[in-house]
C-alpha atoms as a PDB file:
ATOM      1  CA  UNK A   1       0.000   0.000   0.000  1.00  0.00           C
ATOM      2  CA  UNK A   2       1.026   3.578  -0.635  1.00  0.00           C
ATOM      3  CA  UNK A   3       0.187   6.190   1.976  1.00  0.00           C
ATOM      4  CA  UNK A   4       0.840   9.893   1.430  1.00  0.00           C
ATOM      5  CA  UNK A   5       2.321  11.698   4.439  1.00  0.00           C
ATOM      6  CA  UNK A   6       1.117  15.258   4.824  1.00  0.00           C
ATOM      7  CA  UNK A   7       2.631  17.513   7.455  1.00  0.00           C
ATOM      8  CA  UNK A   8       0.521  20.493   8.419  1.00  0.00           C
ATOM      9  CA  UNK A   9       0.762  23.042  11.198  1.00  0.00           C
ATOM     10  CA  UNK A  10      -3.024  22.879  11.619  1.00  0.00           C
ATOM     11  CA  UNK A  11      -2.986  19.186  12.617  1.00  0.00           C
ATOM     12  CA  UNK A  12      -3.091  18.637  16.375  1.00  0.00           C
ATOM     13  CA  UNK A  13      -2.812  14.862  16.128  1.00  0.00           C
ATOM     14  CA  UNK A  14      -2.187  12.173  13.561  1.00  0.00           C
ATOM     15  CA  UNK A  15      -5.180  11.252  11.408  1.00  0.00           C
ATOM     16  CA  UNK A  16      -5.583   8.672   8.661  1.00  0.00           C
ATOM     17  CA  UNK A  17      -8.014   9.104   5.771  1.00  0.00           C
ATOM     18  CA  UNK A  18      -8.940   6.924   2.804  1.00  0.00           C
ATOM     19  CA  UNK A  19     -10.643   8.702  -0.081  1.00  0.00           C
ATOM     20  CA  UNK A  20     -13.917   7.047  -0.968  1.00  0.00           C
ATOM     21  CA  UNK A  21     -13.455   8.311  -4.524  1.00  0.00           C
ATOM     22  CA  UNK A  22     -10.155   6.739  -5.534  1.00  0.00           C
ATOM     23  CA  UNK A  23      -8.863   4.811  -2.498  1.00  0.00           C
ATOM     24  CA  UNK A  24      -5.926   7.145  -1.876  1.00  0.00           C
ATOM     25  CA  UNK A  25      -4.703   6.984   1.713  1.00  0.00           C
ATOM     26  CA  UNK A  26      -3.340  10.083   3.453  1.00  0.00           C
ATOM     27  CA  UNK A  27      -1.771  10.360   6.903  1.00  0.00           C
ATOM     28  CA  UNK A  28      -1.862  13.900   8.259  1.00  0.00           C
ATOM     29  CA  UNK A  29       0.815  14.746  10.813  1.00  0.00           C
ATOM     30  CA  UNK A  30       1.609  17.659  13.097  1.00  0.00           C
ATOM     31  CA  UNK A  31       4.919  19.207  12.141  1.00  0.00           C
ATOM     32  CA  UNK A  32       7.051  17.736  14.907  1.00  0.00           C
ATOM     33  CA  UNK A  33       6.003  14.066  14.753  1.00  0.00           C
ATOM     34  CA  UNK A  34       8.986  11.811  13.856  1.00  0.00           C
ATOM     35  CA  UNK A  35       8.627   9.544  10.828  1.00  0.00           C
ATOM     36  CA  UNK A  36       9.172   6.445  12.994  1.00  0.00           C
ATOM     37  CA  UNK A  37       6.183   7.393  15.132  1.00  0.00           C
ATOM     38  CA  UNK A  38       4.074   7.911  12.004  1.00  0.00           C
ATOM     39  CA  UNK A  39       5.031   4.453  10.703  1.00  0.00           C
ATOM     40  CA  UNK A  40       4.114   2.865  14.052  1.00  0.00           C
ATOM     41  CA  UNK A  41       0.735   4.637  13.865  1.00  0.00           C
ATOM     42  CA  UNK A  42       0.183   3.180  10.394  1.00  0.00           C
ATOM     43  CA  UNK A  43       1.174  -0.350  11.374  1.00  0.00           C
ATOM     44  CA  UNK A  44      -1.278  -0.281  14.276  1.00  0.00           C
ATOM     45  CA  UNK A  45      -4.070   0.594  11.834  1.00  0.00           C
ATOM     46  CA  UNK A  46      -3.115  -1.684   8.965  1.00  0.00           C
ATOM     47  CA  UNK A  47      -6.254  -3.838   9.179  1.00  0.00           C
ATOM     48  CA  UNK A  48      -8.502  -0.741   9.191  1.00  0.00           C
ATOM     49  CA  UNK A  49      -6.583   0.692   6.246  1.00  0.00           C
ATOM     50  CA  UNK A  50      -6.850  -2.479   4.138  1.00  0.00           C
ATOM     51  CA  UNK A  51     -10.602  -2.799   4.816  1.00  0.00           C
ATOM     52  CA  UNK A  52     -11.324   0.756   3.755  1.00  0.00           C
ATOM     53  CA  UNK A  53      -9.169   0.587   0.626  1.00  0.00           C
ATOM     54  CA  UNK A  54     -10.832  -2.696  -0.379  1.00  0.00           C
ATOM     55  CA  UNK A  55     -14.283  -1.094  -0.003  1.00  0.00           C
ATOM     56  CA  UNK A  56     -13.571   1.575  -2.656  1.00  0.00           C
ATOM     57  CA  UNK A  57     -15.263   0.683  -5.990  1.00  0.00           C
ATOM     58  CA  UNK A  58     -12.882  -0.664  -8.629  1.00  0.00           C
ATOM     59  CA  UNK A  59     -12.125   1.609 -11.608  1.00  0.00           C
ATOM     60  CA  UNK A  60     -14.415   1.090 -14.611  1.00  0.00           C
ATOM     61  CA  UNK A  61     -13.020   1.823 -18.082  1.00  0.00           C
ATOM     62  CA  UNK A  62     -15.350   3.611 -20.483  1.00  0.00           C
ATOM     63  CA  UNK A  63     -15.466   1.217 -23.434  1.00  0.00           C
ATOM     64  CA  UNK A  64     -18.034   0.009 -25.946  1.00  0.00           C
ATOM     65  CA  UNK A  65     -20.554  -2.366 -24.408  1.00  0.00           C
ATOM     66  CA  UNK A  66     -20.647  -0.953 -20.879  1.00  0.00           C
ATOM     67  CA  UNK A  67     -23.592   0.995 -19.447  1.00  0.00           C
ATOM     68  CA  UNK A  68     -22.643   4.539 -18.441  1.00  0.00           C
ATOM     69  CA  UNK A  69     -25.001   6.610 -16.273  1.00  0.00           C
ATOM     70  CA  UNK A  70     -26.243   9.862 -17.800  1.00  0.00           C
ATOM     71  CA  UNK A  71     -28.556  11.955 -15.607  1.00  0.00           C
ATOM     72  CA  UNK A  72     -29.196   8.878 -13.505  1.00  0.00           C
ATOM     73  CA  UNK A  73     -30.108   6.578 -16.395  1.00  0.00           C
ATOM     74  CA  UNK A  74     -27.811   3.811 -17.665  1.00  0.00           C
ATOM     75  CA  UNK A  75     -26.923   4.174 -21.353  1.00  0.00           C
ATOM     76  CA  UNK A  76     -25.180   1.391 -23.264  1.00  0.00           C
ATOM     77  CA  UNK A  77     -22.092   2.590 -25.172  1.00  0.00           C
ATOM     78  CA  UNK A  78     -22.302   1.498 -28.809  1.00  0.00           C
ATOM     79  CA  UNK A  79     -19.665   2.068 -31.495  1.00  0.00           C
ATOM     80  CA  UNK A  80     -21.479   3.323 -34.589  1.00  0.00           C
ATOM     81  CA  UNK A  81     -20.819   5.136 -37.895  1.00  0.00           C
ATOM     82  CA  UNK A  82     -21.414   8.576 -36.363  1.00  0.00           C
ATOM     83  CA  UNK A  83     -19.200  11.664 -36.333  1.00  0.00           C
ATOM     84  CA  UNK A  84     -20.044  12.769 -32.782  1.00  0.00           C
ATOM     85  CA  UNK A  85     -21.542  11.298 -29.612  1.00  0.00           C
ATOM     86  CA  UNK A  86     -25.313  10.933 -29.735  1.00  0.00           C
ATOM     87  CA  UNK A  87     -27.761   9.761 -27.070  1.00  0.00           C
ATOM     88  CA  UNK A  88     -30.518   7.627 -28.527  1.00  0.00           C
ATOM     89  CA  UNK A  89     -33.047   5.284 -26.868  1.00  0.00           C
ATOM     90  CA  UNK A  90     -30.922   4.278 -23.901  1.00  0.00           C
ATOM     91  CA  UNK A  91     -27.736   4.129 -25.961  1.00  0.00           C
ATOM     92  CA  UNK A  92     -24.714   6.367 -26.402  1.00  0.00           C
ATOM     93  CA  UNK A  93     -23.588   6.155 -30.003  1.00  0.00           C
ATOM     94  CA  UNK A  94     -19.866   6.917 -30.304  1.00  0.00           C
ATOM     95  CA  UNK A  95     -17.581   7.150 -33.382  1.00  0.00           C
ATOM     96  CA  UNK A  96     -16.484   3.614 -34.136  1.00  0.00           C
ATOM     97  CA  UNK A  97     -12.939   4.473 -35.212  1.00  0.00           C
ATOM     98  CA  UNK A  98     -11.935   6.282 -31.979  1.00  0.00           C
ATOM     99  CA  UNK A  99     -11.661   5.305 -28.298  1.00  0.00           C
ATOM    100  CA  UNK A 100     -14.991   6.311 -26.710  1.00  0.00           C
ATOM    101  CA  UNK A 101     -13.598   7.685 -23.431  1.00  0.00           C
ATOM    102  CA  UNK A 102     -12.321  11.121 -24.516  1.00  0.00           C
ATOM    103  CA  UNK A 103     -15.291  11.895 -26.761  1.00  0.00           C
ATOM    104  CA  UNK A 104     -17.771  10.863 -24.057  1.00  0.00           C
ATOM    105  CA  UNK A 105     -15.959  12.963 -21.444  1.00  0.00           C
ATOM    106  CA  UNK A 106     -16.200  16.008 -23.731  1.00  0.00           C
ATOM    107  CA  UNK A 107     -19.885  15.280 -24.407  1.00  0.00           C
ATOM    108  CA  UNK A 108     -20.648  14.959 -20.697  1.00  0.00           C
ATOM    109  CA  UNK A 109     -18.865  18.236 -19.952  1.00  0.00           C
ATOM    110  CA  UNK A 110     -20.953  20.022 -22.564  1.00  0.00           C
ATOM    111  CA  UNK A 111     -24.129  18.468 -21.161  1.00  0.00           C
ATOM    112  CA  UNK A 112     -23.131  19.430 -17.611  1.00  0.00           C
ATOM    113  CA  UNK A 113     -22.652  23.056 -18.659  1.00  0.00           C
ATOM    114  CA  UNK A 114     -25.978  23.045 -20.495  1.00  0.00           C
ATOM    115  CA  UNK A 115     -27.681  21.888 -17.283  1.00  0.00           C
ATOM    116  CA  UNK A 116     -25.696  23.948 -14.772  1.00  0.00           C
ATOM    117  CA  UNK A 117     -25.860  27.384 -16.378  1.00  0.00           C
ATOM    118  CA  UNK A 118     -29.668  27.767 -16.273  1.00  0.00           C
ATOM    119  CA  UNK A 119     -29.846  26.043 -12.879  1.00  0.00           C
ATOM    120  CA  UNK A 120     -27.287  28.414 -11.360  1.00  0.00           C
ATOM    121  CA  UNK A 121     -29.049  31.397 -12.935  1.00  0.00           C
ATOM    122  CA  UNK A 122     -32.413  30.290 -11.493  1.00  0.00           C
ATOM    123  CA  UNK A 123     -31.066  29.791  -7.980  1.00  0.00           C
ATOM    124  CA  UNK A 124     -29.064  33.020  -8.051  1.00  0.00           C
ATOM    125  CA  UNK A 125     -32.139  34.987  -9.135  1.00  0.00           C
ATOM    126  CA  UNK A 126     -34.105  33.486  -6.235  1.00  0.00           C
ATOM    127  CA  UNK A 127     -31.504  34.867  -3.799  1.00  0.00           C
ATOM    128  CA  UNK A 128     -31.042  38.152  -5.637  1.00  0.00           C
ATOM    129  CA  UNK A 129     -27.388  37.392  -6.382  1.00  0.00           C
ATOM    130  CA  UNK A 130     -25.285  37.550  -9.524  1.00  0.00           C
ATOM    131  CA  UNK A 131     -22.953  34.583 -10.041  1.00  0.00           C
ATOM    132  CA  UNK A 132     -19.555  34.927 -11.623  1.00  0.00           C
ATOM    133  CA  UNK A 133     -17.865  32.549 -14.029  1.00  0.00           C
ATOM    134  CA  UNK A 134     -18.823  28.855 -14.062  1.00  0.00           C
ATOM    135  CA  UNK A 135     -15.892  26.459 -14.439  1.00  0.00           C
ATOM    136  CA  UNK A 136     -16.126  22.702 -14.910  1.00  0.00           C
ATOM    137  CA  UNK A 137     -13.362  20.399 -13.672  1.00  0.00           C
ATOM    138  CA  UNK A 138     -12.850  16.743 -12.869  1.00  0.00           C
ATOM    139  CA  UNK A 139     -12.335  17.430  -9.173  1.00  0.00           C
ATOM    140  CA  UNK A 140     -11.698  14.613  -6.696  1.00  0.00           C
ATOM    141  CA  UNK A 141     -12.333  16.211  -3.316  1.00  0.00           C
ATOM    142  CA  UNK A 142     -15.303  18.527  -3.956  1.00  0.00           C
ATOM    143  CA  UNK A 143     -18.387  18.455  -6.131  1.00  0.00           C
ATOM    144  CA  UNK A 144     -18.468  22.225  -6.196  1.00  0.00           C
ATOM    145  CA  UNK A 145     -16.930  25.358  -4.739  1.00  0.00           C
ATOM    146  CA  UNK A 146     -17.474  29.110  -4.675  1.00  0.00           C
ATOM    147  CA  UNK A 147     -14.686  31.691  -4.685  1.00  0.00           C
ATOM    148  CA  UNK A 148     -14.681  35.023  -2.877  1.00  0.00           C
ATOM    149  CA  UNK A 149     -15.167  36.691  -6.272  1.00  0.00           C
ATOM    150  CA  UNK A 150     -18.388  34.724  -6.821  1.00  0.00           C
ATOM    151  CA  UNK A 151     -17.012  32.306  -9.400  1.00  0.00           C
ATOM    152  CA  UNK A 152     -18.474  28.802  -9.193  1.00  0.00           C
ATOM    153  CA  UNK A 153     -16.629  25.564  -9.856  1.00  0.00           C
ATOM    154  CA  UNK A 154     -18.309  22.203 -10.406  1.00  0.00           C
ATOM    155  CA  UNK A 155     -17.394  18.627 -11.200  1.00  0.00           C
ATOM    156  CA  UNK A 156     -18.778  17.751 -14.623  1.00  0.00           C
ATOM    157  CA  UNK A 157     -19.384  14.209 -13.339  1.00  0.00           C
ATOM    158  CA  UNK A 158     -22.488  15.563 -11.580  1.00  0.00           C
ATOM    159  CA  UNK A 159     -24.334  15.190 -14.885  1.00  0.00           C
ATOM    160  CA  UNK A 160     -24.065  11.410 -14.512  1.00  0.00           C
ATOM    161  CA  UNK A 161     -26.173  11.579 -11.330  1.00  0.00           C
ATOM    162  CA  UNK A 162     -29.969  12.029 -11.245  1.00  0.00           C
ATOM    163  CA  UNK A 163     -30.894  15.642 -12.122  1.00  0.00           C
ATOM    164  CA  UNK A 164     -31.898  16.482  -8.555  1.00  0.00           C
ATOM    165  CA  UNK A 165     -28.332  15.904  -7.380  1.00  0.00           C
ATOM    166  CA  UNK A 166     -26.861  18.440  -9.808  1.00  0.00           C
ATOM    167  CA  UNK A 167     -29.614  20.838  -8.764  1.00  0.00           C
ATOM    168  CA  UNK A 168     -28.682  20.423  -5.090  1.00  0.00           C
ATOM    169  CA  UNK A 169     -24.962  21.057  -5.636  1.00  0.00           C
ATOM    170  CA  UNK A 170     -25.780  24.120  -7.728  1.00  0.00           C
ATOM    171  CA  UNK A 171     -28.062  25.403  -4.941  1.00  0.00           C
ATOM    172  CA  UNK A 172     -25.351  24.726  -2.341  1.00  0.00           C
ATOM    173  CA  UNK A 173     -22.734  26.753  -4.202  1.00  0.00           C
ATOM    174  CA  UNK A 174     -25.123  29.560  -5.117  1.00  0.00           C
ATOM    175  CA  UNK A 175     -26.056  29.860  -1.429  1.00  0.00           C
ATOM    176  CA  UNK A 176     -22.393  30.659  -0.773  1.00  0.00           C
ATOM    177  CA  UNK A 177     -22.824  33.827  -2.829  1.00  0.00           C
ATOM    178  CA  UNK A 178     -24.827  35.112   0.144  1.00  0.00           C
ATOM    179  CA  UNK A 179     -23.033  33.284   2.984  1.00  0.00           C
ATOM    180  CA  UNK A 180     -19.379  32.265   2.551  1.00  0.00           C
ATOM    181  CA  UNK A 181     -19.605  29.804   5.415  1.00  0.00           C
ATOM    182  CA  UNK A 182     -21.711  26.893   6.626  1.00  0.00           C
ATOM    183  CA  UNK A 183     -23.702  28.803   9.224  1.00  0.00           C
ATOM    184  CA  UNK A 184     -27.400  28.427   9.983  1.00  0.00           C
ATOM    185  CA  UNK A 185     -28.072  31.302   7.625  1.00  0.00           C
ATOM    186  CA  UNK A 186     -26.246  29.461   4.858  1.00  0.00           C
ATOM    187  CA  UNK A 187     -28.227  26.232   5.324  1.00  0.00           C
ATOM    188  CA  UNK A 188     -31.435  28.257   5.469  1.00  0.00           C
ATOM    189  CA  UNK A 189     -30.499  29.612   2.042  1.00  0.00           C
ATOM    190  CA  UNK A 190     -29.870  26.108   0.727  1.00  0.00           C
ATOM    191  CA  UNK A 191     -33.232  24.958   2.111  1.00  0.00           C
ATOM    192  CA  UNK A 192     -34.974  27.867   0.424  1.00  0.00           C
ATOM    193  CA  UNK A 193     -33.522  26.840  -2.934  1.00  0.00           C
ATOM    194  CA  UNK A 194     -33.696  23.081  -2.437  1.00  0.00           C
ATOM    195  CA  UNK A 195     -36.103  22.071   0.368  1.00  0.00           C
ATOM    196  CA  UNK A 196     -35.136  18.370   0.355  1.00  0.00           C
ATOM    197  CA  UNK A 197     -31.396  19.018   0.160  1.00  0.00           C
ATOM    198  CA  UNK A 198     -30.641  16.578   2.997  1.00  0.00           C
ATOM    199  CA  UNK A 199     -31.907  13.586   1.008  1.00  0.00           C
ATOM    200  CA  UNK A 200     -29.954  14.681  -2.051  1.00  0.00           C
ATOM    201  CA  UNK A 201     -26.785  15.181  -0.009  1.00  0.00           C
ATOM    202  CA  UNK A 202     -27.206  11.673   1.430  1.00  0.00           C
ATOM    203  CA  UNK A 203     -27.502  10.244  -2.083  1.00  0.00           C
ATOM    204  CA  UNK A 204     -24.281  11.973  -3.105  1.00  0.00           C
ATOM    205  CA  UNK A 205     -22.398  10.709  -0.064  1.00  0.00           C
ATOM    206  CA  UNK A 206     -23.615   7.166  -0.689  1.00  0.00           C
ATOM    207  CA  UNK A 207     -23.141   7.098  -4.469  1.00  0.00           C
ATOM    208  CA  UNK A 208     -20.509   9.688  -5.295  1.00  0.00           C
ATOM    209  CA  UNK A 209     -17.713   7.116  -5.458  1.00  0.00           C
ATOM    210  CA  UNK A 210     -19.621   5.308  -8.221  1.00  0.00           C
ATOM    211  CA  UNK A 211     -19.473   8.444 -10.365  1.00  0.00           C
ATOM    212  CA  UNK A 212     -15.734   8.751  -9.856  1.00  0.00           C
ATOM    213  CA  UNK A 213     -14.934   5.143 -10.710  1.00  0.00           C
ATOM    214  CA  UNK A 214     -15.409   5.724 -14.450  1.00  0.00           C
ATOM    215  CA  UNK A 215     -12.147   6.173 -16.353  1.00  0.00           C
ATOM    216  CA  UNK A 216     -12.368   8.175 -19.585  1.00  0.00           C
ATOM    217  CA  UNK A 217      -8.762   7.789 -20.736  1.00  0.00           C
ATOM    218  CA  UNK A 218      -8.132   6.645 -24.297  1.00  0.00           C
ATOM    219  CA  UNK A 219      -7.814   2.861 -24.361  1.00  0.00           C
END
């Protein structure tokens, strides 16, 4: 196993974390902890570490024949004589002479933007706020974020989840335009935009790793 050691002045004690998205293990250490003590801490938690790494979903390559979720619905990837990706009757038709991963990733990004831009605009109007630039990334640690300048960042993989999940994350980040914190006032803003946000957040915690297991590299 590989474990990343991260020394930080903010850490008051050693803590071990396994990412539910990709299985990466990180040991956070206060600045003065000797390496030997860190290794002893790891050895004492080896069984816990192996269990949690084993529980992370295995990577799934995006290839012809597999069923890829799009807005919560499984679509079978089919190589076809088409020039661009096309969704059709539960299928994703992809150009037959090219690896499907890169073209599907680009198609999903475009679809995510097409869904997020009007959703962000609707939520921002409800709060009387003006959002900044919307940026899409393949982030691993956050589904969305909001900068002090009001720019919003989202993971394009949200478009693979049911539409209500993308709507919730958009509402969450738009609420930060009014409250740059997670105070009661912030959550009241989220609830105003998305009354059942708790159920949607639970879905994302339970199923988010499944969205990240898909690998879109050329193969």
